Full PDB file with SEQRES, HELIX, SHEET, SSBOND, CRYST1, ORIGX, SCALE, CONECT and MASTER records, all heavy atoms in Angstrom:
SEQRES   1 A   35  LYS GLY ASN CYS SER PHE SER PHE ILE GLU GLN PHE ARG          
SEQRES   2 A   35  ALA LEU HIS GLN CYS ASN GLU TYR CYS GLU MET LEU GLY          
SEQRES   3 A   35  LEU LYS SER LEU ARG THR THR HIS GLN                          
HELIX    1 AA1 SER A    7  LEU A   15  1                                   9    
HELIX    2 AA2 GLU A   20  MET A   24  1                                   5    
HELIX    3 AA3 LEU A   30  HIS A   34  1                                   5    
CRYST1    1.000    1.000    1.000  90.00  90.00  90.00 P 1           1          
ORIGX1      1.000000  0.000000  0.000000        0.00000                         
ORIGX2      0.000000  1.000000  0.000000        0.00000                         
ORIGX3      0.000000  0.000000  1.000000        0.00000                         
SCALE1      1.000000  0.000000  0.000000        0.00000                         
SCALE2      0.000000  1.000000  0.000000        0.00000                         
SCALE3      0.000000  0.000000  1.000000        0.00000                         
ATOM      1  N   LYS A   1     118.210  69.094 107.995  1.00  0.00           N  
ATOM      2  CA  LYS A   1     118.888  68.904 106.716  1.00  0.00           C  
ATOM      3  C   LYS A   1     117.714  68.816 105.531  1.00  0.00           C  
ATOM      4  O   LYS A   1     116.679  68.185 105.828  1.00  0.00           O  
ATOM      5  CB  LYS A   1     119.675  67.674 106.578  1.00  0.00           C  
ATOM      6  CG  LYS A   1     121.042  67.814 107.302  1.00  0.00           C  
ATOM      7  CD  LYS A   1     121.997  66.939 106.644  1.00  0.00           C  
ATOM      8  CE  LYS A   1     123.365  67.223 107.176  1.00  0.00           C  
ATOM      9  NZ  LYS A   1     124.486  66.977 106.288  1.00  0.00           N  
ATOM     10  N   GLY A   2     117.902  69.716 104.645  1.00  0.00           N  
ATOM     11  CA  GLY A   2     116.869  69.805 103.598  1.00  0.00           C  
ATOM     12  C   GLY A   2     116.879  68.598 102.712  1.00  0.00           C  
ATOM     13  O   GLY A   2     117.666  67.556 102.969  1.00  0.00           O  
ATOM     14  N   ASN A   3     116.146  68.637 101.628  1.00  0.00           N  
ATOM     15  CA  ASN A   3     116.089  67.515 100.643  1.00  0.00           C  
ATOM     16  C   ASN A   3     116.604  67.995  99.259  1.00  0.00           C  
ATOM     17  O   ASN A   3     116.299  67.324  98.254  1.00  0.00           O  
ATOM     18  CB  ASN A   3     114.636  66.935 100.445  1.00  0.00           C  
ATOM     19  CG  ASN A   3     113.653  68.011 100.101  1.00  0.00           C  
ATOM     20  OD1 ASN A   3     113.974  69.213 100.056  1.00  0.00           O  
ATOM     21  ND2 ASN A   3     112.444  67.633  99.736  1.00  0.00           N  
ATOM     22  N   CYS A   4     117.282  69.141  99.163  1.00  0.00           N  
ATOM     23  CA  CYS A   4     117.886  69.690  97.964  1.00  0.00           C  
ATOM     24  C   CYS A   4     119.271  69.974  98.064  1.00  0.00           C  
ATOM     25  O   CYS A   4     119.785  70.229  99.208  1.00  0.00           O  
ATOM     26  CB  CYS A   4     117.123  70.915  97.557  1.00  0.00           C  
ATOM     27  SG  CYS A   4     115.365  70.690  97.260  1.00  0.00           S  
ATOM     28  N   SER A   5     120.044  69.948  97.000  1.00  0.00           N  
ATOM     29  CA  SER A   5     121.513  70.186  97.053  1.00  0.00           C  
ATOM     30  C   SER A   5     121.767  71.627  97.432  1.00  0.00           C  
ATOM     31  O   SER A   5     121.041  72.492  97.074  1.00  0.00           O  
ATOM     32  CB  SER A   5     121.979  69.986  95.653  1.00  0.00           C  
ATOM     33  OG  SER A   5     123.212  70.715  95.508  1.00  0.00           O  
ATOM     34  N   PHE A   6     122.869  71.802  98.228  1.00  0.00           N  
ATOM     35  CA  PHE A   6     123.151  73.198  98.673  1.00  0.00           C  
ATOM     36  C   PHE A   6     123.660  74.120  97.554  1.00  0.00           C  
ATOM     37  O   PHE A   6     123.733  75.246  97.733  1.00  0.00           O  
ATOM     38  CB  PHE A   6     124.034  73.166  99.906  1.00  0.00           C  
ATOM     39  CG  PHE A   6     125.506  73.246  99.597  1.00  0.00           C  
ATOM     40  CD1 PHE A   6     126.235  74.511  99.764  1.00  0.00           C  
ATOM     41  CD2 PHE A   6     126.299  72.156  99.283  1.00  0.00           C  
ATOM     42  CE1 PHE A   6     127.497  74.597  99.533  1.00  0.00           C  
ATOM     43  CE2 PHE A   6     127.672  72.373  99.117  1.00  0.00           C  
ATOM     44  CZ  PHE A   6     128.304  73.584  99.202  1.00  0.00           C  
ATOM     45  N   SER A   7     123.905  73.448  96.339  1.00  0.00           N  
ATOM     46  CA  SER A   7     124.299  74.280  95.195  1.00  0.00           C  
ATOM     47  C   SER A   7     123.217  75.237  94.748  1.00  0.00           C  
ATOM     48  O   SER A   7     123.395  76.199  94.176  1.00  0.00           O  
ATOM     49  CB  SER A   7     124.750  73.388  93.985  1.00  0.00           C  
ATOM     50  OG  SER A   7     123.609  72.687  93.597  1.00  0.00           O  
ATOM     51  N   PHE A   8     122.021  74.827  95.139  1.00  0.00           N  
ATOM     52  CA  PHE A   8     120.809  75.696  94.963  1.00  0.00           C  
ATOM     53  C   PHE A   8     120.926  77.056  95.635  1.00  0.00           C  
ATOM     54  O   PHE A   8     120.455  78.078  95.109  1.00  0.00           O  
ATOM     55  CB  PHE A   8     119.551  75.005  95.532  1.00  0.00           C  
ATOM     56  CG  PHE A   8     118.940  73.882  94.638  1.00  0.00           C  
ATOM     57  CD1 PHE A   8     119.761  73.180  93.807  1.00  0.00           C  
ATOM     58  CD2 PHE A   8     117.735  73.400  94.893  1.00  0.00           C  
ATOM     59  CE1 PHE A   8     119.285  72.091  93.044  1.00  0.00           C  
ATOM     60  CE2 PHE A   8     117.232  72.275  94.234  1.00  0.00           C  
ATOM     61  CZ  PHE A   8     118.082  71.655  93.284  1.00  0.00           C  
ATOM     62  N   ILE A   9     121.527  77.021  96.784  1.00  0.00           N  
ATOM     63  CA  ILE A   9     121.681  78.262  97.526  1.00  0.00           C  
ATOM     64  C   ILE A   9     122.707  79.218  96.846  1.00  0.00           C  
ATOM     65  O   ILE A   9     122.352  80.423  96.673  1.00  0.00           O  
ATOM     66  CB  ILE A   9     122.243  77.969  99.013  1.00  0.00           C  
ATOM     67  CG1 ILE A   9     121.141  77.234  99.767  1.00  0.00           C  
ATOM     68  CG2 ILE A   9     122.597  79.249  99.759  1.00  0.00           C  
ATOM     69  CD1 ILE A   9     121.489  76.842 101.209  1.00  0.00           C  
ATOM     70  N   GLU A  10     123.762  78.622  96.275  1.00  0.00           N  
ATOM     71  CA  GLU A  10     124.815  79.391  95.592  1.00  0.00           C  
ATOM     72  C   GLU A  10     124.092  79.959  94.318  1.00  0.00           C  
ATOM     73  O   GLU A  10     124.348  81.110  93.929  1.00  0.00           O  
ATOM     74  CB  GLU A  10     125.887  78.524  95.191  1.00  0.00           C  
ATOM     75  CG  GLU A  10     126.719  78.143  96.359  1.00  0.00           C  
ATOM     76  CD  GLU A  10     127.806  77.071  95.993  1.00  0.00           C  
ATOM     77  OE1 GLU A  10     127.679  76.465  94.889  1.00  0.00           O  
ATOM     78  OE2 GLU A  10     128.746  76.914  96.807  1.00  0.00           O  
ATOM     79  N   GLN A  11     123.351  79.180  93.645  1.00  0.00           N  
ATOM     80  CA  GLN A  11     122.639  79.585  92.398  1.00  0.00           C  
ATOM     81  C   GLN A  11     121.710  80.644  92.772  1.00  0.00           C  
ATOM     82  O   GLN A  11     121.713  81.788  91.937  1.00  0.00           O  
ATOM     83  CB  GLN A  11     122.003  78.421  91.670  1.00  0.00           C  
ATOM     84  CG  GLN A  11     122.940  77.625  90.915  1.00  0.00           C  
ATOM     85  CD  GLN A  11     122.342  76.228  90.488  1.00  0.00           C  
ATOM     86  OE1 GLN A  11     121.195  75.849  90.935  1.00  0.00           O  
ATOM     87  NE2 GLN A  11     123.014  75.550  89.678  1.00  0.00           N  
ATOM     88  N   PHE A  12     120.968  80.578  93.791  1.00  0.00           N  
ATOM     89  CA  PHE A  12     119.961  81.569  94.162  1.00  0.00           C  
ATOM     90  C   PHE A  12     120.731  82.917  94.376  1.00  0.00           C  
ATOM     91  O   PHE A  12     120.254  83.991  93.897  1.00  0.00           O  
ATOM     92  CB  PHE A  12     119.206  81.158  95.390  1.00  0.00           C  
ATOM     93  CG  PHE A  12     118.329  82.298  95.870  1.00  0.00           C  
ATOM     94  CD1 PHE A  12     117.114  82.556  95.234  1.00  0.00           C  
ATOM     95  CD2 PHE A  12     118.642  83.024  96.991  1.00  0.00           C  
ATOM     96  CE1 PHE A  12     116.279  83.600  95.674  1.00  0.00           C  
ATOM     97  CE2 PHE A  12     117.826  84.140  97.438  1.00  0.00           C  
ATOM     98  CZ  PHE A  12     116.662  84.370  96.859  1.00  0.00           C  
ATOM     99  N   ARG A  13     121.852  82.803  95.134  1.00  0.00           N  
ATOM    100  CA  ARG A  13     122.519  84.009  95.541  1.00  0.00           C  
ATOM    101  C   ARG A  13     123.052  84.678  94.331  1.00  0.00           C  
ATOM    102  O   ARG A  13     123.056  85.941  94.139  1.00  0.00           O  
ATOM    103  CB  ARG A  13     123.640  83.626  96.393  1.00  0.00           C  
ATOM    104  CG  ARG A  13     124.386  84.788  97.152  1.00  0.00           C  
ATOM    105  CD  ARG A  13     125.387  84.416  98.119  1.00  0.00           C  
ATOM    106  NE  ARG A  13     126.346  83.447  97.490  1.00  0.00           N  
ATOM    107  CZ  ARG A  13     126.937  82.420  98.202  1.00  0.00           C  
ATOM    108  NH1 ARG A  13     126.702  82.281  99.479  1.00  0.00           N  
ATOM    109  NH2 ARG A  13     127.840  81.725  97.640  1.00  0.00           N  
ATOM    110  N   ALA A  14     123.467  83.889  93.367  1.00  0.00           N  
ATOM    111  CA  ALA A  14     123.989  84.502  92.037  1.00  0.00           C  
ATOM    112  C   ALA A  14     122.969  85.117  91.133  1.00  0.00           C  
ATOM    113  O   ALA A  14     123.182  86.012  90.446  1.00  0.00           O  
ATOM    114  CB  ALA A  14     124.926  83.460  91.332  1.00  0.00           C  
ATOM    115  N   LEU A  15     121.741  84.493  91.173  1.00  0.00           N  
ATOM    116  CA  LEU A  15     120.788  84.824  90.063  1.00  0.00           C  
ATOM    117  C   LEU A  15     119.580  85.665  90.587  1.00  0.00           C  
ATOM    118  O   LEU A  15     118.892  86.218  89.769  1.00  0.00           O  
ATOM    119  CB  LEU A  15     120.282  83.521  89.459  1.00  0.00           C  
ATOM    120  CG  LEU A  15     121.198  82.582  88.741  1.00  0.00           C  
ATOM    121  CD1 LEU A  15     120.590  81.214  88.396  1.00  0.00           C  
ATOM    122  CD2 LEU A  15     121.680  83.288  87.470  1.00  0.00           C  
ATOM    123  N   HIS A  16     119.379  85.681  91.995  1.00  0.00           N  
ATOM    124  CA  HIS A  16     118.169  86.449  92.413  1.00  0.00           C  
ATOM    125  C   HIS A  16     118.259  87.938  92.045  1.00  0.00           C  
ATOM    126  O   HIS A  16     119.222  88.540  92.222  1.00  0.00           O  
ATOM    127  CB  HIS A  16     118.136  86.227  93.933  1.00  0.00           C  
ATOM    128  CG  HIS A  16     117.039  87.176  94.525  1.00  0.00           C  
ATOM    129  ND1 HIS A  16     115.731  86.930  94.293  1.00  0.00           N  
ATOM    130  CD2 HIS A  16     117.093  88.244  95.275  1.00  0.00           C  
ATOM    131  CE1 HIS A  16     114.968  87.820  94.971  1.00  0.00           C  
ATOM    132  NE2 HIS A  16     115.811  88.660  95.594  1.00  0.00           N  
ATOM    133  N   GLN A  17     117.150  88.415  91.496  1.00  0.00           N  
ATOM    134  CA  GLN A  17     117.046  89.896  91.351  1.00  0.00           C  
ATOM    135  C   GLN A  17     115.998  90.410  92.263  1.00  0.00           C  
ATOM    136  O   GLN A  17     114.863  89.940  92.220  1.00  0.00           O  
ATOM    137  CB  GLN A  17     116.626  90.129  89.875  1.00  0.00           C  
ATOM    138  CG  GLN A  17     117.743  89.635  88.826  1.00  0.00           C  
ATOM    139  CD  GLN A  17     117.289  89.810  87.428  1.00  0.00           C  
ATOM    140  OE1 GLN A  17     116.152  89.594  87.001  1.00  0.00           O  
ATOM    141  NE2 GLN A  17     118.222  90.160  86.555  1.00  0.00           N  
ATOM    142  N   CYS A  18     116.381  91.348  92.974  1.00  0.00           N  
ATOM    143  CA  CYS A  18     115.380  91.891  93.951  1.00  0.00           C  
ATOM    144  C   CYS A  18     114.212  92.585  93.246  1.00  0.00           C  
ATOM    145  O   CYS A  18     114.497  93.240  92.204  1.00  0.00           O  
ATOM    146  CB  CYS A  18     116.127  92.843  94.898  1.00  0.00           C  
ATOM    147  SG  CYS A  18     117.072  92.056  96.182  1.00  0.00           S  
ATOM    148  N   ASN A  19     113.082  92.620  93.804  1.00  0.00           N  
ATOM    149  CA  ASN A  19     111.973  93.207  93.233  1.00  0.00           C  
ATOM    150  C   ASN A  19     111.377  94.268  94.334  1.00  0.00           C  
ATOM    151  O   ASN A  19     111.933  94.397  95.370  1.00  0.00           O  
ATOM    152  CB  ASN A  19     110.934  92.258  92.709  1.00  0.00           C  
ATOM    153  CG  ASN A  19     110.483  91.376  93.923  1.00  0.00           C  
ATOM    154  OD1 ASN A  19     110.082  91.773  94.973  1.00  0.00           O  
ATOM    155  ND2 ASN A  19     110.430  90.090  93.649  1.00  0.00           N  
ATOM    156  N   GLU A  20     110.347  94.811  93.990  1.00  0.00           N  
ATOM    157  CA  GLU A  20     109.681  95.851  94.921  1.00  0.00           C  
ATOM    158  C   GLU A  20     109.427  95.310  96.333  1.00  0.00           C  
ATOM    159  O   GLU A  20     109.436  96.029  97.315  1.00  0.00           O  
ATOM    160  CB  GLU A  20     108.477  96.560  94.377  1.00  0.00           C  
ATOM    161  CG  GLU A  20     107.372  95.563  93.977  1.00  0.00           C  
ATOM    162  CD  GLU A  20     106.136  96.229  93.349  1.00  0.00           C  
ATOM    163  OE1 GLU A  20     105.613  97.243  93.895  1.00  0.00           O  
ATOM    164  OE2 GLU A  20     105.629  95.747  92.335  1.00  0.00           O  
ATOM    165  N   TYR A  21     108.920  94.014  96.291  1.00  0.00           N  
ATOM    166  CA  TYR A  21     108.658  93.419  97.552  1.00  0.00           C  
ATOM    167  C   TYR A  21     109.803  93.159  98.497  1.00  0.00           C  
ATOM    168  O   TYR A  21     109.779  93.258  99.732  1.00  0.00           O  
ATOM    169  CB  TYR A  21     107.802  92.053  97.331  1.00  0.00           C  
ATOM    170  CG  TYR A  21     106.578  92.351  96.525  1.00  0.00           C  
ATOM    171  CD1 TYR A  21     106.511  91.946  95.227  1.00  0.00           C  
ATOM    172  CD2 TYR A  21     105.476  93.067  97.072  1.00  0.00           C  
ATOM    173  CE1 TYR A  21     105.378  92.211  94.435  1.00  0.00           C  
ATOM    174  CE2 TYR A  21     104.378  93.269  96.358  1.00  0.00           C  
ATOM    175  CZ  TYR A  21     104.302  92.863  95.008  1.00  0.00           C  
ATOM    176  OH  TYR A  21     103.209  93.122  94.246  1.00  0.00           O  
ATOM    177  N   CYS A  22     111.055  92.818  97.892  1.00  0.00           N  
ATOM    178  CA  CYS A  22     112.270  92.736  98.629  1.00  0.00           C  
ATOM    179  C   CYS A  22     112.513  94.128  99.227  1.00  0.00           C  
ATOM    180  O   CYS A  22     112.918  94.200 100.364  1.00  0.00           O  
ATOM    181  CB  CYS A  22     113.428  92.386  97.633  1.00  0.00           C  
ATOM    182  SG  CYS A  22     113.307  90.730  96.951  1.00  0.00           S  
ATOM    183  N   GLU A  23     112.370  95.113  98.446  1.00  0.00           N  
ATOM    184  CA  GLU A  23     112.592  96.518  98.987  1.00  0.00           C  
ATOM    185  C   GLU A  23     111.699  96.859 100.161  1.00  0.00           C  
ATOM    186  O   GLU A  23     112.225  97.498 101.043  1.00  0.00           O  
ATOM    187  CB  GLU A  23     112.410  97.579  97.761  1.00  0.00           C  
ATOM    188  CG  GLU A  23     113.702  97.555  96.884  1.00  0.00           C  
ATOM    189  CD  GLU A  23     113.408  98.280  95.570  1.00  0.00           C  
ATOM    190  OE1 GLU A  23     112.563  99.182  95.552  1.00  0.00           O  
ATOM    191  OE2 GLU A  23     114.051  97.975  94.498  1.00  0.00           O  
ATOM    192  N   MET A  24     110.377  96.430 100.004  1.00  0.00           N  
ATOM    193  CA  MET A  24     109.497  96.816 101.070  1.00  0.00           C  
ATOM    194  C   MET A  24     109.870  96.189 102.394  1.00  0.00           C  
ATOM    195  O   MET A  24     109.642  96.720 103.426  1.00  0.00           O  
ATOM    196  CB  MET A  24     107.992  96.261 100.623  1.00  0.00           C  
ATOM    197  CG  MET A  24     107.165  97.136  99.695  1.00  0.00           C  
ATOM    198  SD  MET A  24     105.607  96.496  99.609  1.00  0.00           S  
ATOM    199  CE  MET A  24     105.066  97.215  98.049  1.00  0.00           C  
ATOM    200  N   LEU A  25     110.389  94.974 102.318  1.00  0.00           N  
ATOM    201  CA  LEU A  25     110.831  94.217 103.526  1.00  0.00           C  
ATOM    202  C   LEU A  25     112.270  94.693 103.937  1.00  0.00           C  
ATOM    203  O   LEU A  25     112.775  94.198 104.925  1.00  0.00           O  
ATOM    204  CB  LEU A  25     110.779  92.747 103.224  1.00  0.00           C  
ATOM    205  CG  LEU A  25     109.501  92.121 103.355  1.00  0.00           C  
ATOM    206  CD1 LEU A  25     109.421  90.782 102.656  1.00  0.00           C  
ATOM    207  CD2 LEU A  25     109.032  91.908 104.869  1.00  0.00           C  
ATOM    208  N   GLY A  26     112.818  95.572 103.178  1.00  0.00           N  
ATOM    209  CA  GLY A  26     114.285  95.995 103.518  1.00  0.00           C  
ATOM    210  C   GLY A  26     115.337  94.983 103.467  1.00  0.00           C  
ATOM    211  O   GLY A  26     116.269  95.034 104.112  1.00  0.00           O  
ATOM    212  N   LEU A  27     115.138  94.020 102.464  1.00  0.00           N  
ATOM    213  CA  LEU A  27     116.134  92.983 102.318  1.00  0.00           C  
ATOM    214  C   LEU A  27     117.314  93.520 101.506  1.00  0.00           C  
ATOM    215  O   LEU A  27     117.179  94.401 100.647  1.00  0.00           O  
ATOM    216  CB  LEU A  27     115.594  91.836 101.565  1.00  0.00           C  
ATOM    217  CG  LEU A  27     114.289  91.207 102.209  1.00  0.00           C  
ATOM    218  CD1 LEU A  27     113.774  90.095 101.284  1.00  0.00           C  
ATOM    219  CD2 LEU A  27     114.710  90.514 103.633  1.00  0.00           C  
ATOM    220  N   LYS A  28     118.571  93.168 101.908  1.00  0.00           N  
ATOM    221  CA  LYS A  28     119.768  93.668 101.270  1.00  0.00           C  
ATOM    222  C   LYS A  28     119.933  92.947  99.970  1.00  0.00           C  
ATOM    223  O   LYS A  28     119.868  91.661  99.925  1.00  0.00           O  
ATOM    224  CB  LYS A  28     120.970  93.377 102.256  1.00  0.00           C  
ATOM    225  CG  LYS A  28     120.849  94.180 103.530  1.00  0.00           C  
ATOM    226  CD  LYS A  28     121.958  93.752 104.449  1.00  0.00           C  
ATOM    227  CE  LYS A  28     121.703  94.307 105.854  1.00  0.00           C  
ATOM    228  NZ  LYS A  28     120.574  93.530 106.479  1.00  0.00           N  
ATOM    229  N   SER A  29     120.402  93.708  98.965  1.00  0.00           N  
ATOM    230  CA  SER A  29     120.657  93.079  97.682  1.00  0.00           C  
ATOM    231  C   SER A  29     121.776  92.065  97.871  1.00  0.00           C  
ATOM    232  O   SER A  29     122.792  92.267  98.444  1.00  0.00           O  
ATOM    233  CB  SER A  29     121.125  94.175  96.689  1.00  0.00           C  
ATOM    234  OG  SER A  29     121.751  93.541  95.524  1.00  0.00           O  
ATOM    235  N   LEU A  30     121.555  90.807  97.184  1.00  0.00           N  
ATOM    236  CA  LEU A  30     122.556  89.764  97.308  1.00  0.00           C  
ATOM    237  C   LEU A  30     123.819  90.137  96.387  1.00  0.00           C  
ATOM    238  O   LEU A  30     124.881  89.624  96.631  1.00  0.00           O  
ATOM    239  CB  LEU A  30     122.001  88.470  96.946  1.00  0.00           C  
ATOM    240  CG  LEU A  30     120.776  88.067  97.786  1.00  0.00           C  
ATOM    241  CD1 LEU A  30     120.109  86.717  97.322  1.00  0.00           C  
ATOM    242  CD2 LEU A  30     121.239  87.842  99.204  1.00  0.00           C  
ATOM    243  N   ARG A  31     123.552  90.931  95.306  1.00  0.00           N  
ATOM    244  CA  ARG A  31     124.574  91.195  94.348  1.00  0.00           C  
ATOM    245  C   ARG A  31     125.700  92.002  95.110  1.00  0.00           C  
ATOM    246  O   ARG A  31     126.852  91.571  95.054  1.00  0.00           O  
ATOM    247  CB  ARG A  31     124.071  92.115  93.281  1.00  0.00           C  
ATOM    248  CG  ARG A  31     123.052  91.389  92.444  1.00  0.00           C  
ATOM    249  CD  ARG A  31     123.765  90.552  91.398  1.00  0.00           C  
ATOM    250  NE  ARG A  31     122.798  89.424  90.908  1.00  0.00           N  
ATOM    251  CZ  ARG A  31     122.190  89.444  89.876  1.00  0.00           C  
ATOM    252  NH1 ARG A  31     122.269  90.514  88.986  1.00  0.00           N  
ATOM    253  NH2 ARG A  31     121.319  88.481  89.537  1.00  0.00           N  
ATOM    254  N   THR A  32     125.292  93.104  95.839  1.00  0.00           N  
ATOM    255  CA  THR A  32     126.329  93.866  96.370  1.00  0.00           C  
ATOM    256  C   THR A  32     127.097  93.156  97.445  1.00  0.00           C  
ATOM    257  O   THR A  32     128.335  93.151  97.517  1.00  0.00           O  
ATOM    258  CB  THR A  32     125.722  95.217  96.880  1.00  0.00           C  
ATOM    259  OG1 THR A  32     124.626  94.824  97.767  1.00  0.00           O  
ATOM    260  CG2 THR A  32     125.194  96.089  95.839  1.00  0.00           C  
ATOM    261  N   THR A  33     126.280  92.502  98.363  1.00  0.00           N  
ATOM    262  CA  THR A  33     127.031  91.777  99.448  1.00  0.00           C  
ATOM    263  C   THR A  33     127.945  90.771  98.925  1.00  0.00           C  
ATOM    264  O   THR A  33     129.082  90.560  99.393  1.00  0.00           O  
ATOM    265  CB  THR A  33     126.008  91.189 100.522  1.00  0.00           C  
ATOM    266  OG1 THR A  33     125.132  90.381  99.781  1.00  0.00           O  
ATOM    267  CG2 THR A  33     125.326  92.166 101.296  1.00  0.00           C  
ATOM    268  N   HIS A  34     127.538  90.049  97.886  1.00  0.00           N  
ATOM    269  CA  HIS A  34     128.333  89.031  97.333  1.00  0.00           C  
ATOM    270  C   HIS A  34     129.631  89.549  96.728  1.00  0.00           C  
ATOM    271  O   HIS A  34     130.686  89.043  96.918  1.00  0.00           O  
ATOM    272  CB  HIS A  34     127.489  88.234  96.253  1.00  0.00           C  
ATOM    273  CG  HIS A  34     127.998  86.947  95.820  1.00  0.00           C  
ATOM    274  ND1 HIS A  34     128.495  85.974  96.656  1.00  0.00           N  
ATOM    275  CD2 HIS A  34     128.234  86.452  94.535  1.00  0.00           C  
ATOM    276  CE1 HIS A  34     128.994  84.977  95.927  1.00  0.00           C  
ATOM    277  NE2 HIS A  34     128.757  85.177  94.701  1.00  0.00           N  
ATOM    278  N   GLN A  35     129.475  90.698  95.972  1.00  0.00           N  
ATOM    279  CA  GLN A  35     130.560  91.344  95.292  1.00  0.00           C  
ATOM    280  C   GLN A  35     131.648  91.824  96.302  1.00  0.00           C  
ATOM    281  O   GLN A  35     132.776  91.697  96.236  1.00  0.00           O  
ATOM    282  CB  GLN A  35     130.118  92.352  94.352  1.00  0.00           C  
ATOM    283  CG  GLN A  35     129.682  91.799  93.064  1.00  0.00           C  
ATOM    284  CD  GLN A  35     128.768  92.757  92.268  1.00  0.00           C  
ATOM    285  OE1 GLN A  35     128.351  93.845  92.787  1.00  0.00           O  
ATOM    286  NE2 GLN A  35     128.322  92.322  91.144  1.00  0.00           N  
TER     287      GLN A  35                                                      
MASTER        0    0    0    3    0    0    0    6  286    1    0    3          
END                                                                             
């Protein structure tokens, strides 16, 4: 169990903007999966 509220996870998912390093690692955009 972490030491931060799990609402941080929801906020991250809603606000994160992928950058070139996300693309290099082949990470999926959170926007599209969330929508």
